[in-house]
Amino acid sequence: MTRFTQAELEAARDRLVPDVVAGGLRVLFCGINPGLMTAATGHHFARPGNRFWPVLHLSGFTPRLMKPAEQRELLSYGLGITNVVARATARADELSAEEYREGGRLLAAKVGALGPRWLAVVGVTAYRAAFDDRKAAVGPQERLVGDTRVWVLPNPSGLNAHWTTATMAQEFARLRTAAEED
């Protein structure tokens, strides 16, 4: 992986990270917002300690462990990636409540246009803030976004010590099973 100086990472704050999307996806994964490493590389979930890519593989969504630079390959599996908030930050707690609400509104419009079968928001706190649902828990949600069902997944950040890679993979696998049954 390329090494970046702190100055290069800070400069990445203004870069937009393109979505990996197409119409009619099986599952559209939605991160909270890009971290600085993601913004610097242009690849989602690029920070070395992030467990998204290992969990995606361990849960059976991908046949092998993919690298962030291979993110476009997800489309061939009917999967995509976007974010609730486009602005890159060092930590998600730098985002305002208004950014989350606006991000939820924009995400709903994006989901309406793309029509994935499932929207999988990785991070219960982000989901609660974006969709004003204080009681949401990890798992399938009652709410639909348009015709799209919603599943909240644990945040794969290495900072989320409440979930191990194995327990996250089990929750991702529950979603995979539900998506395959559609």
N, C-alpha and C. Protein backbone atom coordinates (compact mmCIF):
# COMPACT_ATOMS: atom_id res chain seq x y z
N MET A 1 0.84 -1.17 0.00
CA MET A 1 0.00 0.00 0.00
C MET A 1 0.88 1.24 0.00
N THR A 2 0.47 2.25 -0.72
CA THR A 2 1.19 3.51 -0.78
C THR A 2 1.17 4.20 0.57
N ARG A 3 2.29 4.75 0.96
CA ARG A 3 2.39 5.52 2.21
C ARG A 3 2.12 6.98 1.89
N PHE A 4 1.34 7.62 2.75
CA PHE A 4 1.03 9.03 2.58
C PHE A 4 1.53 9.80 3.79
N THR A 5 1.99 11.01 3.55
CA THR A 5 2.35 11.88 4.67
C THR A 5 1.07 12.43 5.26
N GLN A 6 1.16 12.95 6.47
CA GLN A 6 -0.02 13.56 7.09
C GLN A 6 -0.52 14.73 6.24
N ALA A 7 0.39 15.49 5.66
CA ALA A 7 0.00 16.62 4.80
C ALA A 7 -0.78 16.12 3.58
N GLU A 8 -0.34 15.01 2.98
CA GLU A 8 -1.05 14.46 1.82
C GLU A 8 -2.44 13.96 2.23
N LEU A 9 -2.53 13.35 3.40
CA LEU A 9 -3.84 12.89 3.87
C LEU A 9 -4.76 14.07 4.13
N GLU A 10 -4.26 15.11 4.74
CA GLU A 10 -5.07 16.30 5.01
C GLU A 10 -5.54 16.94 3.70
N ALA A 11 -4.67 16.97 2.70
CA ALA A 11 -5.04 17.54 1.40
C ALA A 11 -6.15 16.72 0.73
N ALA A 12 -6.25 15.45 1.09
CA ALA A 12 -7.26 14.58 0.49
C ALA A 12 -8.68 14.90 0.96
N ARG A 13 -8.82 15.69 2.00
CA ARG A 13 -10.15 16.03 2.54
C ARG A 13 -11.09 16.58 1.48
N ASP A 14 -10.54 17.28 0.49
CA ASP A 14 -11.39 17.92 -0.52
C ASP A 14 -11.69 17.03 -1.71
N ARG A 15 -11.16 15.83 -1.74
CA ARG A 15 -11.37 14.94 -2.88
C ARG A 15 -12.67 14.16 -2.69
N LEU A 16 -13.42 14.04 -3.76
CA LEU A 16 -14.61 13.21 -3.75
C LEU A 16 -14.22 11.79 -4.14
N VAL A 17 -14.80 10.83 -3.47
CA VAL A 17 -14.54 9.42 -3.78
C VAL A 17 -15.72 8.93 -4.61
N PRO A 18 -15.46 8.50 -5.84
CA PRO A 18 -16.58 8.07 -6.69
C PRO A 18 -17.29 6.84 -6.13
N ASP A 19 -18.61 6.84 -6.27
CA ASP A 19 -19.39 5.66 -5.91
C ASP A 19 -19.04 4.51 -6.85
N VAL A 20 -19.26 3.31 -6.37
CA VAL A 20 -19.17 2.11 -7.20
C VAL A 20 -20.61 1.62 -7.29
N VAL A 21 -21.30 2.02 -8.34
CA VAL A 21 -22.74 1.75 -8.44
C VAL A 21 -23.15 1.43 -9.86
N ALA A 22 -24.31 0.80 -9.94
CA ALA A 22 -24.99 0.52 -11.20
C ALA A 22 -26.46 0.31 -10.86
N GLY A 23 -27.31 0.35 -11.84
CA GLY A 23 -28.72 0.10 -11.60
C GLY A 23 -28.97 -1.37 -11.27
N GLY A 24 -29.96 -1.62 -10.40
CA GLY A 24 -30.42 -2.97 -10.12
C GLY A 24 -29.47 -3.85 -9.33
N LEU A 25 -28.63 -3.27 -8.49
CA LEU A 25 -27.70 -4.06 -7.67
C LEU A 25 -28.48 -4.95 -6.69
N ARG A 26 -27.86 -6.05 -6.31
CA ARG A 26 -28.40 -6.90 -5.25
C ARG A 26 -28.30 -6.17 -3.91
N VAL A 27 -27.10 -5.64 -3.62
CA VAL A 27 -26.85 -4.94 -2.36
C VAL A 27 -25.99 -3.71 -2.65
N LEU A 28 -26.45 -2.57 -2.16
CA LEU A 28 -25.66 -1.35 -2.18
C LEU A 28 -25.18 -1.11 -0.76
N PHE A 29 -23.87 -1.29 -0.53
CA PHE A 29 -23.29 -1.03 0.78
C PHE A 29 -23.07 0.47 0.91
N CYS A 30 -23.35 0.99 2.08
CA CYS A 30 -23.25 2.42 2.30
C CYS A 30 -22.41 2.69 3.54
N GLY A 31 -21.22 3.24 3.34
CA GLY A 31 -20.37 3.62 4.45
C GLY A 31 -20.85 4.93 5.06
N ILE A 32 -20.23 5.31 6.14
CA ILE A 32 -20.59 6.56 6.81
C ILE A 32 -20.10 7.73 5.97
N ASN A 33 -18.80 7.83 5.78
CA ASN A 33 -18.17 8.83 4.93
C ASN A 33 -16.75 8.36 4.66
N PRO A 34 -16.12 8.91 3.63
CA PRO A 34 -14.75 8.47 3.35
C PRO A 34 -13.78 8.93 4.43
N GLY A 35 -12.89 8.05 4.81
CA GLY A 35 -11.78 8.43 5.66
C GLY A 35 -10.71 9.09 4.80
N LEU A 36 -9.69 9.62 5.43
CA LEU A 36 -8.65 10.32 4.68
C LEU A 36 -7.88 9.39 3.76
N MET A 37 -7.64 8.14 4.20
CA MET A 37 -6.94 7.18 3.34
C MET A 37 -7.79 6.85 2.11
N THR A 38 -9.08 6.68 2.31
CA THR A 38 -9.99 6.43 1.19
C THR A 38 -9.96 7.60 0.22
N ALA A 39 -10.01 8.82 0.75
CA ALA A 39 -9.98 10.00 -0.12
C ALA A 39 -8.66 10.10 -0.87
N ALA A 40 -7.56 9.77 -0.20
CA ALA A 40 -6.25 9.85 -0.84
C ALA A 40 -6.10 8.83 -1.96
N THR A 41 -6.64 7.63 -1.76
CA THR A 41 -6.48 6.57 -2.77
C THR A 41 -7.62 6.53 -3.77
N GLY A 42 -8.81 7.04 -3.38
CA GLY A 42 -9.99 6.92 -4.23
C GLY A 42 -10.65 5.56 -4.12
N HIS A 43 -10.23 4.76 -3.14
CA HIS A 43 -10.77 3.41 -2.97
C HIS A 43 -11.49 3.32 -1.63
N HIS A 44 -12.72 2.85 -1.65
CA HIS A 44 -13.54 2.74 -0.45
C HIS A 44 -12.92 1.77 0.56
N PHE A 45 -13.09 2.09 1.83
CA PHE A 45 -12.62 1.25 2.95
C PHE A 45 -11.13 0.91 2.79
N ALA A 46 -10.32 1.93 2.48
CA ALA A 46 -8.91 1.73 2.15
C ALA A 46 -7.99 1.69 3.36
N ARG A 47 -8.43 2.16 4.51
CA ARG A 47 -7.55 2.17 5.68
C ARG A 47 -7.17 0.73 6.04
N PRO A 48 -5.90 0.45 6.27
CA PRO A 48 -5.46 -0.93 6.52
C PRO A 48 -6.21 -1.65 7.64
N GLY A 49 -6.62 -0.97 8.70
CA GLY A 49 -7.31 -1.63 9.81
C GLY A 49 -8.80 -1.84 9.58
N ASN A 50 -9.33 -1.34 8.47
CA ASN A 50 -10.76 -1.49 8.22
C ASN A 50 -11.03 -2.94 7.81
N ARG A 51 -12.08 -3.50 8.35
CA ARG A 51 -12.37 -4.93 8.14
C ARG A 51 -13.41 -5.19 7.06
N PHE A 52 -13.83 -4.17 6.32
CA PHE A 52 -14.87 -4.35 5.31
C PHE A 52 -14.52 -5.45 4.31
N TRP A 53 -13.37 -5.36 3.69
CA TRP A 53 -13.01 -6.32 2.63
C TRP A 53 -12.86 -7.74 3.17
N PRO A 54 -12.17 -7.97 4.30
CA PRO A 54 -12.14 -9.34 4.84
C PRO A 54 -13.53 -9.87 5.20
N VAL A 55 -14.37 -9.02 5.80
CA VAL A 55 -15.71 -9.45 6.21
C VAL A 55 -16.57 -9.75 4.98
N LEU A 56 -16.43 -8.95 3.94
CA LEU A 56 -17.19 -9.21 2.71
C LEU A 56 -16.87 -10.59 2.17
N HIS A 57 -15.60 -10.96 2.20
CA HIS A 57 -15.19 -12.28 1.73
C HIS A 57 -15.63 -13.39 2.70
N LEU A 58 -15.37 -13.22 3.98
CA LEU A 58 -15.72 -14.25 4.96
C LEU A 58 -17.22 -14.52 5.01
N SER A 59 -18.02 -13.53 4.68
CA SER A 59 -19.48 -13.70 4.70
C SER A 59 -20.01 -14.35 3.43
N GLY A 60 -19.16 -14.55 2.44
CA GLY A 60 -19.58 -15.20 1.21
C GLY A 60 -20.05 -14.27 0.11
N PHE A 61 -19.95 -12.97 0.30
CA PHE A 61 -20.34 -12.04 -0.77
C PHE A 61 -19.36 -12.08 -1.93
N THR A 62 -18.07 -12.30 -1.66
CA THR A 62 -17.07 -12.39 -2.72
C THR A 62 -16.33 -13.71 -2.60
N PRO A 63 -15.91 -14.28 -3.72
CA PRO A 63 -15.25 -15.59 -3.68
C PRO A 63 -13.82 -15.55 -3.18
N ARG A 64 -13.25 -14.35 -3.08
CA ARG A 64 -11.87 -14.21 -2.58
C ARG A 64 -11.76 -12.87 -1.87
N LEU A 65 -10.71 -12.72 -1.11
CA LEU A 65 -10.44 -11.46 -0.43
C LEU A 65 -9.98 -10.44 -1.47
N MET A 66 -10.73 -9.38 -1.60
CA MET A 66 -10.41 -8.34 -2.57
C MET A 66 -9.66 -7.20 -1.89
N LYS A 67 -8.90 -6.48 -2.68
CA LYS A 67 -8.22 -5.28 -2.21
C LYS A 67 -9.08 -4.07 -2.55
N PRO A 68 -8.97 -2.99 -1.80
CA PRO A 68 -9.75 -1.80 -2.11
C PRO A 68 -9.59 -1.34 -3.56
N ALA A 69 -8.41 -1.49 -4.13
CA ALA A 69 -8.17 -1.06 -5.52
C ALA A 69 -8.98 -1.89 -6.52
N GLU A 70 -9.53 -3.02 -6.09
CA GLU A 70 -10.33 -3.88 -6.97
C GLU A 70 -11.82 -3.63 -6.81
N GLN A 71 -12.19 -2.52 -6.18
CA GLN A 71 -13.59 -2.26 -5.83
C GLN A 71 -14.55 -2.33 -7.01
N ARG A 72 -14.14 -1.97 -8.20
CA ARG A 72 -15.05 -2.00 -9.36
C ARG A 72 -15.50 -3.42 -9.68
N GLU A 73 -14.73 -4.42 -9.27
CA GLU A 73 -15.10 -5.81 -9.49
C GLU A 73 -16.38 -6.19 -8.74
N LEU A 74 -16.70 -5.44 -7.69
CA LEU A 74 -17.92 -5.71 -6.93
C LEU A 74 -19.16 -5.69 -7.82
N LEU A 75 -19.15 -4.84 -8.82
CA LEU A 75 -20.31 -4.74 -9.71
C LEU A 75 -20.64 -6.07 -10.37
N SER A 76 -19.61 -6.88 -10.66
CA SER A 76 -19.85 -8.19 -11.29
C SER A 76 -20.55 -9.16 -10.34
N TYR A 77 -20.56 -8.86 -9.04
CA TYR A 77 -21.26 -9.67 -8.04
C TYR A 77 -22.60 -9.06 -7.65
N GLY A 78 -23.00 -7.99 -8.35
CA GLY A 78 -24.26 -7.32 -8.02
C GLY A 78 -24.17 -6.47 -6.77
N LEU A 79 -22.96 -6.01 -6.43
CA LEU A 79 -22.72 -5.23 -5.23
C LEU A 79 -22.18 -3.85 -5.60
N GLY A 80 -22.41 -2.88 -4.74
CA GLY A 80 -21.88 -1.55 -4.95
C GLY A 80 -21.56 -0.88 -3.62
N ILE A 81 -20.94 0.30 -3.70
CA ILE A 81 -20.56 1.05 -2.50
C ILE A 81 -20.84 2.53 -2.72
N THR A 82 -21.39 3.15 -1.69
CA THR A 82 -21.56 4.59 -1.63
C THR A 82 -21.35 5.01 -0.18
N ASN A 83 -21.64 6.27 0.13
CA ASN A 83 -21.51 6.77 1.50
C ASN A 83 -22.70 7.63 1.86
N VAL A 84 -22.99 7.73 3.15
CA VAL A 84 -24.04 8.63 3.60
C VAL A 84 -23.61 10.07 3.35
N VAL A 85 -22.38 10.41 3.73
CA VAL A 85 -21.84 11.76 3.57
C VAL A 85 -20.61 11.67 2.67
N ALA A 86 -20.50 12.56 1.70
CA ALA A 86 -19.39 12.51 0.75
C ALA A 86 -18.11 13.12 1.30
N ARG A 87 -18.20 13.99 2.29
CA ARG A 87 -17.02 14.71 2.79
C ARG A 87 -16.09 13.78 3.56
N ALA A 88 -14.82 13.82 3.19
CA ALA A 88 -13.82 13.00 3.88
C ALA A 88 -13.41 13.66 5.20
N THR A 89 -13.26 12.82 6.21
CA THR A 89 -12.80 13.28 7.52
C THR A 89 -11.87 12.23 8.11
N ALA A 90 -11.11 12.64 9.11
CA ALA A 90 -10.25 11.69 9.82
C ALA A 90 -11.11 10.75 10.66
N ARG A 91 -12.21 11.29 11.23
CA ARG A 91 -13.10 10.49 12.08
C ARG A 91 -14.54 10.87 11.77
N ALA A 92 -15.43 9.90 11.87
CA ALA A 92 -16.84 10.15 11.58
C ALA A 92 -17.47 11.14 12.56
N ASP A 93 -16.91 11.26 13.77
CA ASP A 93 -17.50 12.19 14.73
C ASP A 93 -17.25 13.66 14.37
N GLU A 94 -16.53 13.90 13.28
CA GLU A 94 -16.35 15.25 12.76
C GLU A 94 -17.55 15.72 11.94
N LEU A 95 -18.47 14.83 11.63
CA LEU A 95 -19.64 15.16 10.82
C LEU A 95 -20.72 15.77 11.70
N SER A 96 -21.47 16.70 11.14
CA SER A 96 -22.56 17.35 11.88
C SER A 96 -23.86 16.59 11.68
N ALA A 97 -24.80 16.84 12.57
CA ALA A 97 -26.13 16.24 12.45
C ALA A 97 -26.77 16.64 11.13
N GLU A 98 -26.57 17.88 10.72
CA GLU A 98 -27.14 18.34 9.44
C GLU A 98 -26.53 17.59 8.26
N GLU A 99 -25.22 17.31 8.31
CA GLU A 99 -24.60 16.55 7.22
C GLU A 99 -25.20 15.15 7.13
N TYR A 100 -25.44 14.52 8.27
CA TYR A 100 -26.07 13.20 8.26
C TYR A 100 -27.48 13.27 7.67
N ARG A 101 -28.29 14.26 8.11
CA ARG A 101 -29.66 14.38 7.59
C ARG A 101 -29.67 14.63 6.08
N GLU A 102 -28.82 15.55 5.64
CA GLU A 102 -28.74 15.84 4.20
C GLU A 102 -28.22 14.62 3.45
N GLY A 103 -27.25 13.93 4.04
CA GLY A 103 -26.74 12.71 3.42
C GLY A 103 -27.82 11.65 3.29
N GLY A 104 -28.67 11.52 4.32
CA GLY A 104 -29.77 10.56 4.25
C GLY A 104 -30.75 10.91 3.14
N ARG A 105 -31.02 12.20 2.98
CA ARG A 105 -31.92 12.65 1.92
C ARG A 105 -31.33 12.34 0.54
N LEU A 106 -30.05 12.65 0.35
CA LEU A 106 -29.39 12.38 -0.92
C LEU A 106 -29.26 10.87 -1.19
N LEU A 107 -29.00 10.11 -0.13
CA LEU A 107 -28.90 8.66 -0.26
C LEU A 107 -30.24 8.07 -0.70
N ALA A 108 -31.33 8.55 -0.11
CA ALA A 108 -32.66 8.06 -0.50
C ALA A 108 -32.91 8.34 -1.97
N ALA A 109 -32.51 9.51 -2.45
CA ALA A 109 -32.69 9.84 -3.88
C ALA A 109 -31.83 8.93 -4.75
N LYS A 110 -30.61 8.66 -4.32
CA LYS A 110 -29.71 7.79 -5.08
C LYS A 110 -30.28 6.38 -5.15
N VAL A 111 -30.77 5.88 -4.02
CA VAL A 111 -31.36 4.54 -3.97
C VAL A 111 -32.59 4.49 -4.87
N GLY A 112 -33.40 5.54 -4.85
CA GLY A 112 -34.57 5.60 -5.72
C GLY A 112 -34.20 5.53 -7.19
N ALA A 113 -33.12 6.18 -7.56
CA ALA A 113 -32.69 6.18 -8.96
C ALA A 113 -32.05 4.86 -9.38
N LEU A 114 -31.31 4.23 -8.47
CA LEU A 114 -30.57 3.00 -8.81
C LEU A 114 -31.38 1.73 -8.59
N GLY A 115 -32.29 1.73 -7.64
CA GLY A 115 -33.14 0.58 -7.38
C GLY A 115 -32.44 -0.69 -6.92
N PRO A 116 -31.49 -0.61 -5.97
CA PRO A 116 -30.93 -1.87 -5.46
C PRO A 116 -31.99 -2.62 -4.67
N ARG A 117 -31.83 -3.94 -4.55
CA ARG A 117 -32.79 -4.71 -3.74
C ARG A 117 -32.61 -4.44 -2.26
N TRP A 118 -31.34 -4.26 -1.84
CA TRP A 118 -31.03 -4.00 -0.44
C TRP A 118 -30.08 -2.82 -0.34
N LEU A 119 -30.31 -1.96 0.63
CA LEU A 119 -29.38 -0.93 1.05
C LEU A 119 -28.81 -1.41 2.37
N ALA A 120 -27.49 -1.56 2.44
CA ALA A 120 -26.83 -2.03 3.66
C ALA A 120 -25.98 -0.90 4.21
N VAL A 121 -26.46 -0.26 5.26
CA VAL A 121 -25.74 0.85 5.89
C VAL A 121 -24.79 0.27 6.94
N VAL A 122 -23.50 0.52 6.78
CA VAL A 122 -22.52 -0.02 7.71
C VAL A 122 -22.25 1.01 8.81
N GLY A 123 -22.97 0.84 9.88
CA GLY A 123 -22.86 1.73 11.03
C GLY A 123 -24.22 2.14 11.52
N VAL A 124 -24.63 1.59 12.65
CA VAL A 124 -25.96 1.87 13.20
C VAL A 124 -26.10 3.33 13.60
N THR A 125 -25.05 3.95 14.11
CA THR A 125 -25.12 5.36 14.50
C THR A 125 -25.36 6.23 13.28
N ALA A 126 -24.68 5.94 12.18
CA ALA A 126 -24.87 6.71 10.95
C ALA A 126 -26.30 6.54 10.42
N TYR A 127 -26.80 5.32 10.46
CA TYR A 127 -28.17 5.08 10.00
C TYR A 127 -29.16 5.87 10.86
N ARG A 128 -29.00 5.79 12.17
CA ARG A 128 -29.90 6.51 13.07
C ARG A 128 -29.90 8.01 12.77
N ALA A 129 -28.71 8.58 12.56
CA ALA A 129 -28.60 10.01 12.30
C ALA A 129 -29.14 10.39 10.93
N ALA A 130 -28.85 9.59 9.92
CA ALA A 130 -29.27 9.92 8.55
C ALA A 130 -30.77 9.78 8.34
N PHE A 131 -31.38 8.83 9.04
CA PHE A 131 -32.80 8.55 8.82
C PHE A 131 -33.66 8.84 10.04
N ASP A 132 -33.09 9.54 11.01
CA ASP A 132 -33.81 9.95 12.21
C ASP A 132 -34.58 8.79 12.84
N ASP A 133 -33.85 7.70 13.06
CA ASP A 133 -34.44 6.49 13.63
C ASP A 133 -33.59 6.10 14.84
N ARG A 134 -33.89 6.70 15.98
CA ARG A 134 -33.07 6.53 17.18
C ARG A 134 -33.07 5.11 17.73
N LYS A 135 -34.07 4.32 17.38
CA LYS A 135 -34.19 2.97 17.95
C LYS A 135 -33.65 1.88 17.04
N ALA A 136 -33.13 2.25 15.90
CA ALA A 136 -32.63 1.24 14.96
C ALA A 136 -31.53 0.41 15.61
N ALA A 137 -31.48 -0.86 15.25
CA ALA A 137 -30.45 -1.78 15.71
C ALA A 137 -29.88 -2.50 14.49
N VAL A 138 -28.77 -3.16 14.67
CA VAL A 138 -28.18 -3.94 13.59
C VAL A 138 -29.18 -5.00 13.16
N GLY A 139 -29.30 -5.16 11.86
CA GLY A 139 -30.21 -6.15 11.28
C GLY A 139 -31.16 -5.52 10.29
N PRO A 140 -32.15 -6.29 9.81
CA PRO A 140 -33.11 -5.76 8.84
C PRO A 140 -33.99 -4.71 9.51
N GLN A 141 -34.36 -3.70 8.74
CA GLN A 141 -35.18 -2.60 9.24
C GLN A 141 -36.60 -2.71 8.68
N GLU A 142 -37.53 -2.13 9.39
CA GLU A 142 -38.92 -2.05 8.90
C GLU A 142 -39.01 -1.09 7.72
N ARG A 143 -38.24 -0.02 7.78
CA ARG A 143 -38.27 1.04 6.77
C ARG A 143 -37.83 0.53 5.41
N LEU A 144 -38.50 1.02 4.40
CA LEU A 144 -38.06 0.86 3.02
C LEU A 144 -37.58 2.22 2.54
N VAL A 145 -36.63 2.22 1.63
CA VAL A 145 -36.23 3.44 0.94
C VAL A 145 -36.71 3.25 -0.49
N GLY A 146 -37.84 3.86 -0.81
CA GLY A 146 -38.52 3.55 -2.07
C GLY A 146 -38.99 2.12 -1.98
N ASP A 147 -38.56 1.29 -2.93
CA ASP A 147 -38.89 -0.14 -2.91
C ASP A 147 -37.74 -0.98 -2.36
N THR A 148 -36.70 -0.33 -1.88
CA THR A 148 -35.49 -1.02 -1.43
C THR A 148 -35.55 -1.33 0.06
N ARG A 149 -35.26 -2.58 0.39
CA ARG A 149 -35.19 -2.96 1.80
C ARG A 149 -33.87 -2.50 2.40
N VAL A 150 -33.87 -2.32 3.71
CA VAL A 150 -32.71 -1.76 4.41
C VAL A 150 -32.23 -2.74 5.48
N TRP A 151 -30.92 -2.89 5.54
CA TRP A 151 -30.27 -3.70 6.57
C TRP A 151 -29.16 -2.86 7.17
N VAL A 152 -29.10 -2.76 8.47
CA VAL A 152 -28.02 -2.05 9.14
C VAL A 152 -26.98 -3.07 9.59
N LEU A 153 -25.75 -2.82 9.20
CA LEU A 153 -24.63 -3.70 9.52
C LEU A 153 -23.70 -3.00 10.52
N PRO A 154 -22.90 -3.77 11.24
CA PRO A 154 -21.92 -3.14 12.13
C PRO A 154 -20.87 -2.38 11.31
N ASN A 155 -20.36 -1.33 11.90
CA ASN A 155 -19.31 -0.53 11.26
C ASN A 155 -18.02 -1.36 11.25
N PRO A 156 -17.41 -1.58 10.06
CA PRO A 156 -16.21 -2.41 9.99
C PRO A 156 -14.92 -1.71 10.38
N SER A 157 -15.01 -0.48 10.82
CA SER A 157 -13.81 0.24 11.26
C SER A 157 -13.09 -0.55 12.34
N GLY A 158 -11.78 -0.48 12.32
CA GLY A 158 -10.99 -1.11 13.36
C GLY A 158 -11.26 -0.51 14.74
N LEU A 159 -11.86 0.68 14.77
CA LEU A 159 -12.20 1.32 16.05
C LEU A 159 -13.42 0.69 16.70
N ASN A 160 -14.20 -0.08 15.95
CA ASN A 160 -15.41 -0.70 16.49
C ASN A 160 -15.04 -2.02 17.17
N ALA A 161 -14.71 -1.92 18.44
CA ALA A 161 -14.26 -3.10 19.19
C ALA A 161 -15.41 -3.98 19.65
N HIS A 162 -16.64 -3.52 19.53
CA HIS A 162 -17.79 -4.32 19.96
C HIS A 162 -18.03 -5.52 19.06
N TRP A 163 -17.52 -5.46 17.84
CA TRP A 163 -17.73 -6.54 16.89
C TRP A 163 -16.38 -7.09 16.45
N THR A 164 -16.25 -8.41 16.45
CA THR A 164 -15.05 -9.04 15.91
C THR A 164 -15.25 -9.26 14.42
N THR A 165 -14.18 -9.59 13.73
CA THR A 165 -14.30 -9.90 12.31
C THR A 165 -15.27 -11.06 12.11
N ALA A 166 -15.19 -12.06 12.97
CA ALA A 166 -16.05 -13.25 12.84
C ALA A 166 -17.52 -12.90 13.07
N THR A 167 -17.83 -12.10 14.09
CA THR A 167 -19.24 -11.78 14.35
C THR A 167 -19.78 -10.84 13.28
N MET A 168 -18.93 -9.96 12.77
CA MET A 168 -19.36 -9.11 11.65
C MET A 168 -19.66 -9.96 10.43
N ALA A 169 -18.80 -10.91 10.15
CA ALA A 169 -19.01 -11.78 8.99
C ALA A 169 -20.32 -12.55 9.12
N GLN A 170 -20.68 -12.95 10.31
CA GLN A 170 -21.96 -13.64 10.52
C GLN A 170 -23.13 -12.72 10.18
N GLU A 171 -23.05 -11.46 10.59
CA GLU A 171 -24.14 -10.51 10.31
C GLU A 171 -24.20 -10.19 8.81
N PHE A 172 -23.05 -10.00 8.18
CA PHE A 172 -23.03 -9.78 6.74
C PHE A 172 -23.61 -11.00 6.01
N ALA A 173 -23.30 -12.20 6.51
CA ALA A 173 -23.81 -13.44 5.89
C ALA A 173 -25.33 -13.54 6.02
N ARG A 174 -25.89 -13.04 7.11
CA ARG A 174 -27.36 -13.01 7.25
C ARG A 174 -27.97 -12.17 6.14
N LEU A 175 -27.36 -11.02 5.85
CA LEU A 175 -27.83 -10.19 4.75
C LEU A 175 -27.65 -10.91 3.41
N ARG A 176 -26.49 -11.54 3.21
CA ARG A 176 -26.25 -12.25 1.95
C ARG A 176 -27.33 -13.30 1.72
N THR A 177 -27.66 -14.06 2.76
CA THR A 177 -28.69 -15.08 2.65
C THR A 177 -30.03 -14.46 2.28
N ALA A 178 -30.40 -13.37 2.93
CA ALA A 178 -31.65 -12.69 2.62
C ALA A 178 -31.66 -12.17 1.18
N ALA A 179 -30.53 -11.64 0.73
CA ALA A 179 -30.43 -11.12 -0.64
C ALA A 179 -30.53 -12.24 -1.68
N GLU A 180 -30.00 -13.41 -1.33
CA GLU A 180 -30.06 -14.56 -2.26
C GLU A 180 -31.47 -15.13 -2.34
N GLU A 181 -32.25 -14.97 -1.28
CA GLU A 181 -33.61 -15.50 -1.26
C GLU A 181 -34.58 -14.64 -2.06
N ASP A 182 -34.16 -13.43 -2.41
CA ASP A 182 -35.03 -12.55 -3.22
C ASP A 182 -35.20 -13.09 -4.62
